[in-house]
Amino acid sequence: MNVVRIGVVLPATFNLNADAANARVLAKRLTLSGVDTEIVALDEPESMARAELDALIIGSPSSSILTDPNLPRAEIADLVAASLDRSIPILAVSNGFHLLGAMTGRDGEIIEGLGVIPVRTTFGRKQHVSIGARVDTGSYELIGVENHNARVEFDDIEHQLGGVVRGTGNDWRGSEGYSRGSLTATHLHGPLFALNPAFADNFCRELLARRGATFVRGAALDDLDRLSLAAAAHLDRRASS
């Protein structure tokens, strides 16, 4: 198999809570399972335009970056739209999630979003912080840390990532995140893949299936997963204290 290429959008700035590291976690899991990987830093418009990827990671930029007129919106939008068209697995976190739709600032001002997904985000003055937030996707629970001031809405509740077990989520109808086609979008920091090995493995299966390959867990992942479960248990204890 050729090298699996994992793209990460603007890793130096879309990394507010270390969420760009989801690319490194994913690459490590694939490498330990015998799959050669390469992380591709999409840090300029030219690299976005010519990227040939197997997965795409969009971390969380700060609020100030969302309003930066120099943000290459058109190039990011084209990259995400093309990835969706090709069913390339995408993970978008927090403000990286919000950027994909339409956004309104806390004083009612319009913030230019990418309009790639039919999601509306309104930023408020209340900061939602949840240590050990949990989400039930129907297949498994996800755990992480929430830290946002957003209310996220979309018309079809079936496209939620899951229901809120603990935390705030989208601050709307008990839903969290957005999932449609090959896109998974969430407010959960962690990085998400590091805290949720079952979810990370499912992402690996999806990206390899596009190549007609099967993800076979390497035995070395067992030790890594014990660390993940210990970290998740620590968050649970923090949430309960």
Protein backbone atom coordinates (compact mmCIF):
# COMPACT_ATOMS: atom_id res chain seq x y z
CA MET A 1 0.00 0.00 0.00
CA ASN A 2 1.19 3.52 -0.76
CA VAL A 3 1.75 5.94 2.09
CA VAL A 4 -1.44 7.16 3.78
CA ARG A 5 -1.48 10.96 3.76
CA ILE A 6 -3.17 12.80 6.64
CA GLY A 7 -3.70 16.50 5.99
CA VAL A 8 -3.95 19.00 8.83
CA VAL A 9 -5.26 22.51 8.13
CA LEU A 10 -3.05 25.40 9.31
CA PRO A 11 -1.56 23.33 12.17
CA ALA A 12 0.22 26.27 13.82
CA THR A 13 -2.93 28.36 14.22
CA PHE A 14 -5.82 25.85 14.11
CA ASN A 15 -4.52 24.33 17.31
CA LEU A 16 -6.12 26.23 20.19
CA ASN A 17 -6.44 23.17 22.44
CA ALA A 18 -3.82 20.95 20.77
CA ASP A 19 -6.45 19.53 18.40
CA ALA A 20 -4.10 19.53 15.43
CA ALA A 21 -2.43 16.68 17.34
CA ASN A 22 -5.32 14.46 16.26
CA ALA A 23 -3.31 14.02 13.06
CA ARG A 24 -0.30 12.73 15.02
CA VAL A 25 -2.45 10.36 17.07
CA LEU A 26 -4.07 8.98 13.94
CA ALA A 27 -0.71 8.55 12.23
CA LYS A 28 0.69 6.74 15.29
CA ARG A 29 -2.21 4.30 15.41
CA LEU A 30 -1.83 3.51 11.73
CA THR A 31 1.94 3.14 12.00
CA LEU A 32 1.63 0.75 14.95
CA SER A 33 -0.75 -1.29 12.79
CA GLY A 34 1.76 -1.58 9.97
CA VAL A 35 0.54 1.25 7.74
CA ASP A 36 3.02 3.81 6.42
CA THR A 37 1.75 7.34 7.03
CA GLU A 38 2.69 10.93 6.29
CA ILE A 39 1.30 14.07 7.93
CA VAL A 40 0.82 16.86 5.44
CA ALA A 41 0.80 20.40 6.85
CA LEU A 42 -1.68 22.44 4.83
CA ASP A 43 -0.26 25.78 5.88
CA GLU A 44 -0.62 27.81 2.69
CA PRO A 45 -3.21 28.12 -0.08
CA GLU A 46 -0.98 26.36 -2.61
CA SER A 47 -0.61 23.25 -0.45
CA MET A 48 -4.38 23.10 0.05
CA ALA A 49 -5.04 23.31 -3.68
CA ARG A 50 -2.70 20.46 -4.62
CA ALA A 51 -3.27 18.17 -1.65
CA GLU A 52 -3.84 14.45 -2.31
CA LEU A 53 -5.14 13.15 1.00
CA ASP A 54 -6.61 10.10 2.72
CA ALA A 55 -7.85 12.02 5.78
CA LEU A 56 -8.29 15.64 6.82
CA ILE A 57 -7.97 17.15 10.30
CA ILE A 58 -9.29 20.64 11.09
CA GLY A 59 -8.33 21.79 14.57
CA SER A 60 -9.73 24.75 16.45
CA PRO A 61 -8.53 28.30 15.70
CA SER A 62 -9.01 31.12 18.19
CA SER A 63 -11.98 33.49 17.82
CA SER A 64 -9.65 36.20 16.52
CA ILE A 65 -8.54 33.97 13.66
CA LEU A 66 -12.16 33.39 12.66
CA THR A 67 -12.44 37.10 11.88
CA ASP A 68 -8.98 37.48 10.31
CA PRO A 69 -9.41 38.87 6.77
CA ASN A 70 -6.24 37.05 5.72
CA LEU A 71 -7.65 33.62 6.52
CA PRO A 72 -7.67 31.67 3.20
CA ARG A 73 -11.40 30.95 3.38
CA ALA A 74 -11.94 30.09 -0.27
CA GLU A 75 -9.07 27.61 -0.32
CA ILE A 76 -10.18 25.91 2.89
CA ALA A 77 -13.76 25.74 1.61
CA ASP A 78 -12.63 24.18 -1.68
CA LEU A 79 -10.45 21.69 0.19
CA VAL A 80 -13.27 20.60 2.50
CA ALA A 81 -15.86 20.46 -0.28
CA ALA A 82 -13.56 18.35 -2.47
CA SER A 83 -12.80 16.04 0.46
CA LEU A 84 -16.52 15.58 1.13
CA ASP A 85 -17.16 14.85 -2.55
CA ARG A 86 -14.46 12.17 -2.47
CA SER A 87 -15.68 10.74 0.89
CA ILE A 88 -12.35 11.46 2.55
CA PRO A 89 -12.81 11.16 6.34
CA ILE A 90 -12.73 14.59 7.99
CA LEU A 91 -12.55 15.56 11.65
CA ALA A 92 -13.33 19.18 12.56
CA VAL A 93 -13.12 20.43 16.15
CA SER A 94 -14.81 23.38 17.91
CA ASN A 95 -14.11 26.65 16.01
CA GLY A 96 -12.87 24.54 13.10
CA PHE A 97 -16.35 23.00 13.12
CA HIS A 98 -18.10 26.38 13.40
CA LEU A 99 -16.07 27.82 10.52
CA LEU A 100 -17.54 25.27 8.11
CA GLY A 101 -21.03 26.77 8.33
CA ALA A 102 -22.46 30.24 9.01
CA MET A 103 -21.49 32.28 12.08
CA THR A 104 -22.90 35.21 14.05
CA GLY A 105 -20.84 37.04 16.69
CA ARG A 106 -22.02 37.68 20.22
CA ASP A 107 -23.03 41.25 19.32
CA GLY A 108 -25.03 40.10 16.29
CA GLU A 109 -22.33 40.77 13.71
CA ILE A 110 -21.98 38.37 10.78
CA ILE A 111 -18.70 36.43 10.72
CA GLU A 112 -17.83 35.05 7.31
CA GLY A 113 -18.07 31.27 7.38
CA LEU A 114 -17.30 28.78 4.64
CA GLY A 115 -20.88 27.68 4.00
CA VAL A 116 -19.78 24.11 3.31
CA ILE A 117 -22.31 22.57 5.72
CA PRO A 118 -25.82 23.81 6.67
CA VAL A 119 -24.92 24.66 10.26
CA ARG A 120 -25.52 27.97 12.03
CA THR A 121 -23.34 29.03 14.97
CA THR A 122 -24.16 31.93 17.27
CA PHE A 123 -21.46 32.97 19.71
CA GLY A 124 -22.61 34.16 23.13
CA ARG A 125 -21.12 35.63 26.27
CA LYS A 126 -21.37 32.45 28.35
CA GLN A 127 -18.40 30.11 28.17
CA HIS A 128 -19.32 26.43 28.31
CA VAL A 129 -16.55 24.47 30.03
CA SER A 130 -17.07 20.77 30.75
CA ILE A 131 -14.25 18.56 31.98
CA GLY A 132 -15.11 14.99 31.05
CA ALA A 133 -17.98 15.86 28.70
CA ARG A 134 -19.57 12.70 27.30
CA VAL A 135 -21.50 12.08 24.09
CA ASP A 136 -23.46 8.97 23.13
CA THR A 137 -23.12 8.37 19.38
CA GLY A 138 -25.28 5.25 19.44
CA SER A 139 -22.26 3.06 18.71
CA TYR A 140 -20.07 4.18 21.62
CA GLU A 141 -19.56 7.08 24.01
CA LEU A 142 -17.00 9.78 23.38
CA ILE A 143 -15.27 11.69 26.15
CA GLY A 144 -13.37 14.96 26.06
CA VAL A 145 -13.24 18.54 27.24
CA GLU A 146 -15.61 21.28 26.10
CA ASN A 147 -14.53 24.92 26.08
CA HIS A 148 -16.65 27.12 23.83
CA ASN A 149 -19.23 29.90 23.83
CA ALA A 150 -21.31 28.69 20.89
CA ARG A 151 -24.86 27.68 20.17
CA VAL A 152 -24.94 25.45 17.10
CA GLU A 153 -28.12 24.73 15.16
CA PHE A 154 -29.07 22.78 12.04
CA ASP A 155 -32.38 21.63 10.64
CA ASP A 156 -32.00 17.85 10.65
CA ILE A 157 -31.33 16.47 14.13
CA GLU A 158 -30.45 13.13 12.53
CA HIS A 159 -27.14 14.70 11.58
CA GLN A 160 -26.04 15.23 15.18
CA LEU A 161 -22.89 13.37 16.15
CA GLY A 162 -24.67 12.17 19.28
CA GLY A 163 -26.68 13.04 22.34
CA VAL A 164 -25.20 14.85 25.32
CA VAL A 165 -24.64 12.58 28.31
CA ARG A 166 -22.63 15.14 30.28
CA GLY A 167 -21.79 18.67 29.25
CA THR A 168 -23.39 21.26 26.99
CA GLY A 169 -22.80 20.16 23.42
CA ASN A 170 -24.48 22.28 20.77
CA ASP A 171 -26.55 23.98 23.49
CA TRP A 172 -29.62 22.96 21.50
CA ARG A 173 -31.99 20.00 21.90
CA GLY A 174 -29.41 17.94 23.80
CA SER A 175 -27.33 17.36 20.70
CA GLU A 176 -23.59 17.49 20.19
CA GLY A 177 -21.61 17.92 17.03
CA TYR A 178 -22.51 17.23 13.45
CA SER A 179 -22.03 14.14 11.32
CA ARG A 180 -22.80 13.83 7.65
CA GLY A 181 -21.14 11.76 4.97
CA SER A 182 -17.44 11.53 5.74
CA LEU A 183 -17.45 14.51 8.14
CA THR A 184 -17.35 14.28 11.92
CA ALA A 185 -17.53 17.64 13.71
CA THR A 186 -17.46 18.09 17.49
CA HIS A 187 -16.71 20.43 20.38
CA LEU A 188 -14.69 17.76 22.19
CA HIS A 189 -11.04 18.52 22.77
CA GLY A 190 -8.63 15.92 24.05
CA PRO A 191 -7.22 15.44 21.48
CA LEU A 192 -10.31 13.41 20.61
CA PHE A 193 -8.48 10.45 19.06
CA ALA A 194 -6.12 10.17 22.02
CA LEU A 195 -9.00 9.78 24.49
CA ASN A 196 -11.27 7.64 22.33
CA PRO A 197 -9.41 4.70 20.75
CA ALA A 198 -12.56 2.96 19.46
CA PHE A 199 -13.54 6.12 17.59
CA ALA A 200 -9.99 6.52 16.26
CA ASP A 201 -9.95 2.92 15.03
CA ASN A 202 -13.26 3.43 13.24
CA PHE A 203 -11.78 6.49 11.52
CA CYS A 204 -8.80 4.34 10.46
CA ARG A 205 -11.15 1.70 9.05
CA GLU A 206 -13.00 4.30 7.00
CA LEU A 207 -9.92 5.88 5.50
CA LEU A 208 -8.36 2.53 4.60
CA ALA A 209 -11.64 1.20 3.17
CA ARG A 210 -11.48 3.98 0.56
CA ARG A 211 -8.29 2.30 -0.63
CA GLY A 212 -9.82 -1.15 -0.57
CA ALA A 213 -7.75 -2.07 2.48
CA THR A 214 -8.67 -3.38 5.91
CA PHE A 215 -7.53 -1.89 9.21
CA VAL A 216 -5.98 -4.60 11.39
CA ARG A 217 -5.13 -3.44 14.90
CA GLY A 218 -1.52 -3.95 15.83
CA ALA A 219 -0.88 -5.52 19.25
CA ALA A 220 1.14 -2.44 20.20
CA LEU A 221 -2.10 -0.47 20.31
CA ASP A 222 -3.19 -2.35 23.43
CA ASP A 223 -0.60 -0.56 25.57
CA LEU A 224 -1.51 2.77 23.98
CA ASP A 225 -5.19 2.18 24.65
CA ARG A 226 -4.56 1.50 28.32
CA LEU A 227 -3.12 5.01 28.55
CA SER A 228 -6.18 6.38 26.74
CA LEU A 229 -8.57 4.66 29.12
CA ALA A 230 -6.60 5.88 32.14
CA ALA A 231 -6.77 9.46 30.83
CA ALA A 232 -10.52 9.11 30.20
CA ALA A 233 -11.00 7.77 33.72
CA HIS A 234 -9.13 10.78 35.08
CA LEU A 235 -11.53 13.11 33.25
CA ASP A 236 -14.48 11.18 34.66
CA ARG A 237 -13.13 11.63 38.17
CA ARG A 238 -12.62 15.34 37.55
CA ALA A 239 -16.17 15.63 36.29
CA SER A 240 -17.54 13.90 39.37
CA SER A 241 -15.52 15.86 41.94
